[in-house]
Amino acid sequence: MDRPLPRRTPGASGREPRPPKPEFGVPSHELRERAAGGWERFLRRFLAGQVDQESDS
């Protein structure tokens, strides 16, 4: 056991950083983006239906 210990750089533990755990009751970023996209699609379809109804009158 005359070998010296290997040299380490500060902070290098070899572990991969993980994303933080979501807080209870808080929607994830992905869920909020998906909901926003769905809302935009809903509004586009709704407005397209309103335009069609007005042109029929």
N, C-alpha and C. Protein backbone atom coordinates (compact mmCIF):
# COMPACT_ATOMS: atom_id res chain seq x y z
N MET A 1 0.82 -1.19 0.00
CA MET A 1 0.00 0.00 0.00
C MET A 1 0.86 1.26 0.00
N ASP A 2 1.91 1.26 -0.77
CA ASP A 2 2.76 2.43 -0.87
C ASP A 2 2.30 3.38 -1.97
N ARG A 3 1.24 2.99 -2.71
CA ARG A 3 0.77 3.85 -3.80
C ARG A 3 -0.01 5.04 -3.22
N PRO A 4 0.18 6.21 -3.79
CA PRO A 4 -0.60 7.37 -3.32
C PRO A 4 -2.05 7.27 -3.81
N LEU A 5 -2.89 7.93 -3.12
CA LEU A 5 -4.30 7.95 -3.52
C LEU A 5 -4.45 8.74 -4.83
N PRO A 6 -5.43 8.38 -5.65
CA PRO A 6 -5.62 9.13 -6.90
C PRO A 6 -6.06 10.56 -6.62
N ARG A 7 -5.64 11.44 -7.46
CA ARG A 7 -5.95 12.85 -7.31
C ARG A 7 -7.38 13.11 -7.78
N ARG A 8 -8.13 13.88 -7.04
CA ARG A 8 -9.51 14.21 -7.39
C ARG A 8 -9.66 15.71 -7.56
N THR A 9 -10.52 16.06 -8.47
CA THR A 9 -10.83 17.48 -8.61
C THR A 9 -12.01 17.80 -7.68
N PRO A 10 -12.03 18.97 -7.11
CA PRO A 10 -13.12 19.31 -6.19
C PRO A 10 -14.48 19.26 -6.90
N GLY A 11 -15.41 18.60 -6.25
CA GLY A 11 -16.77 18.54 -6.77
C GLY A 11 -17.03 17.43 -7.76
N ALA A 12 -16.03 16.71 -8.18
CA ALA A 12 -16.23 15.65 -9.16
C ALA A 12 -16.53 14.35 -8.42
N SER A 13 -17.80 14.06 -8.23
CA SER A 13 -18.18 12.85 -7.50
C SER A 13 -18.49 11.70 -8.44
N GLY A 14 -18.66 11.99 -9.75
CA GLY A 14 -18.99 10.94 -10.69
C GLY A 14 -20.48 10.72 -10.85
N ARG A 15 -21.28 11.37 -10.02
CA ARG A 15 -22.73 11.23 -10.12
C ARG A 15 -23.28 12.21 -11.13
N GLU A 16 -24.30 11.77 -11.85
CA GLU A 16 -24.96 12.64 -12.81
C GLU A 16 -25.99 13.50 -12.07
N PRO A 17 -26.04 14.78 -12.39
CA PRO A 17 -27.06 15.61 -11.74
C PRO A 17 -28.45 15.22 -12.23
N ARG A 18 -29.41 15.16 -11.32
CA ARG A 18 -30.78 14.82 -11.67
C ARG A 18 -31.64 16.06 -11.59
N PRO A 19 -32.70 16.11 -12.38
CA PRO A 19 -33.59 17.26 -12.26
C PRO A 19 -34.26 17.26 -10.89
N PRO A 20 -34.59 18.42 -10.39
CA PRO A 20 -35.21 18.47 -9.06
C PRO A 20 -36.57 17.78 -9.06
N LYS A 21 -36.92 17.21 -7.93
CA LYS A 21 -38.23 16.56 -7.82
C LYS A 21 -39.31 17.63 -7.84
N PRO A 22 -40.42 17.36 -8.54
CA PRO A 22 -41.48 18.37 -8.58
C PRO A 22 -42.13 18.52 -7.21
N GLU A 23 -42.56 19.73 -6.92
CA GLU A 23 -43.24 19.98 -5.66
C GLU A 23 -44.64 19.42 -5.74
N PHE A 24 -45.18 19.04 -4.61
CA PHE A 24 -46.52 18.47 -4.57
C PHE A 24 -47.55 19.51 -5.01
N GLY A 25 -48.39 19.14 -5.96
CA GLY A 25 -49.46 20.01 -6.41
C GLY A 25 -49.05 21.03 -7.45
N VAL A 26 -47.81 21.01 -7.90
CA VAL A 26 -47.33 21.97 -8.90
C VAL A 26 -47.15 21.22 -10.23
N PRO A 27 -47.84 21.65 -11.30
CA PRO A 27 -47.69 20.95 -12.58
C PRO A 27 -46.28 21.12 -13.15
N SER A 28 -45.84 20.11 -13.85
CA SER A 28 -44.51 20.16 -14.44
C SER A 28 -44.48 21.14 -15.61
N HIS A 29 -43.28 21.51 -16.01
CA HIS A 29 -43.10 22.44 -17.13
C HIS A 29 -43.67 21.83 -18.41
N GLU A 30 -43.43 20.53 -18.61
CA GLU A 30 -43.93 19.85 -19.81
C GLU A 30 -45.45 19.86 -19.84
N LEU A 31 -46.09 19.62 -18.70
CA LEU A 31 -47.54 19.61 -18.64
C LEU A 31 -48.11 21.00 -18.94
N ARG A 32 -47.47 22.03 -18.42
CA ARG A 32 -47.95 23.39 -18.69
C ARG A 32 -47.82 23.75 -20.16
N GLU A 33 -46.71 23.34 -20.80
CA GLU A 33 -46.55 23.61 -22.23
C GLU A 33 -47.58 22.85 -23.06
N ARG A 34 -47.84 21.60 -22.68
CA ARG A 34 -48.83 20.79 -23.40
C ARG A 34 -50.23 21.41 -23.24
N ALA A 35 -50.56 21.87 -22.06
CA ALA A 35 -51.86 22.49 -21.83
C ALA A 35 -51.99 23.79 -22.62
N ALA A 36 -50.93 24.57 -22.70
CA ALA A 36 -50.97 25.81 -23.47
C ALA A 36 -51.21 25.53 -24.95
N GLY A 37 -50.55 24.49 -25.47
CA GLY A 37 -50.76 24.12 -26.86
C GLY A 37 -52.18 23.66 -27.11
N GLY A 38 -52.75 22.92 -26.19
CA GLY A 38 -54.14 22.47 -26.31
C GLY A 38 -55.10 23.64 -26.27
N TRP A 39 -54.83 24.61 -25.42
CA TRP A 39 -55.69 25.79 -25.32
C TRP A 39 -55.66 26.58 -26.62
N GLU A 40 -54.47 26.72 -27.20
CA GLU A 40 -54.35 27.44 -28.47
C GLU A 40 -55.11 26.72 -29.59
N ARG A 41 -55.00 25.39 -29.63
CA ARG A 41 -55.76 24.62 -30.64
C ARG A 41 -57.25 24.80 -30.43
N PHE A 42 -57.71 24.77 -29.18
CA PHE A 42 -59.12 24.96 -28.87
C PHE A 42 -59.61 26.32 -29.35
N LEU A 43 -58.83 27.37 -29.07
CA LEU A 43 -59.23 28.71 -29.48
C LEU A 43 -59.28 28.83 -31.00
N ARG A 44 -58.31 28.25 -31.70
CA ARG A 44 -58.32 28.29 -33.17
C ARG A 44 -59.57 27.61 -33.72
N ARG A 45 -59.89 26.44 -33.19
CA ARG A 45 -61.07 25.72 -33.66
C ARG A 45 -62.34 26.49 -33.33
N PHE A 46 -62.40 27.06 -32.14
CA PHE A 46 -63.57 27.82 -31.73
C PHE A 46 -63.77 29.04 -32.63
N LEU A 47 -62.68 29.77 -32.87
CA LEU A 47 -62.79 30.95 -33.73
C LEU A 47 -63.13 30.57 -35.16
N ALA A 48 -62.62 29.46 -35.64
CA ALA A 48 -62.96 29.00 -36.98
C ALA A 48 -64.45 28.65 -37.05
N GLY A 49 -64.99 28.06 -36.01
CA GLY A 49 -66.42 27.76 -35.98
C GLY A 49 -67.26 29.01 -35.91
N GLN A 50 -66.81 30.02 -35.18
CA GLN A 50 -67.56 31.28 -35.07
C GLN A 50 -67.59 31.98 -36.42
N VAL A 51 -66.49 31.98 -37.14
CA VAL A 51 -66.43 32.63 -38.44
C VAL A 51 -67.38 31.93 -39.40
N ASP A 52 -67.42 30.59 -39.38
CA ASP A 52 -68.31 29.83 -40.25
C ASP A 52 -69.78 30.12 -39.92
N GLN A 53 -70.13 30.22 -38.65
CA GLN A 53 -71.51 30.48 -38.26
C GLN A 53 -71.93 31.88 -38.68
N GLU A 54 -71.05 32.85 -38.58
CA GLU A 54 -71.41 34.21 -38.94
C GLU A 54 -71.59 34.34 -40.44
N SER A 55 -70.82 33.61 -41.24
CA SER A 55 -70.94 33.72 -42.69
C SER A 55 -72.20 33.05 -43.20
N ASP A 56 -72.78 32.08 -42.47
CA ASP A 56 -74.00 31.40 -42.87
C ASP A 56 -75.22 32.29 -42.70
N SER A 57 -75.20 33.26 -41.81
CA SER A 57 -76.37 34.09 -41.51
C SER A 57 -76.69 35.06 -42.59
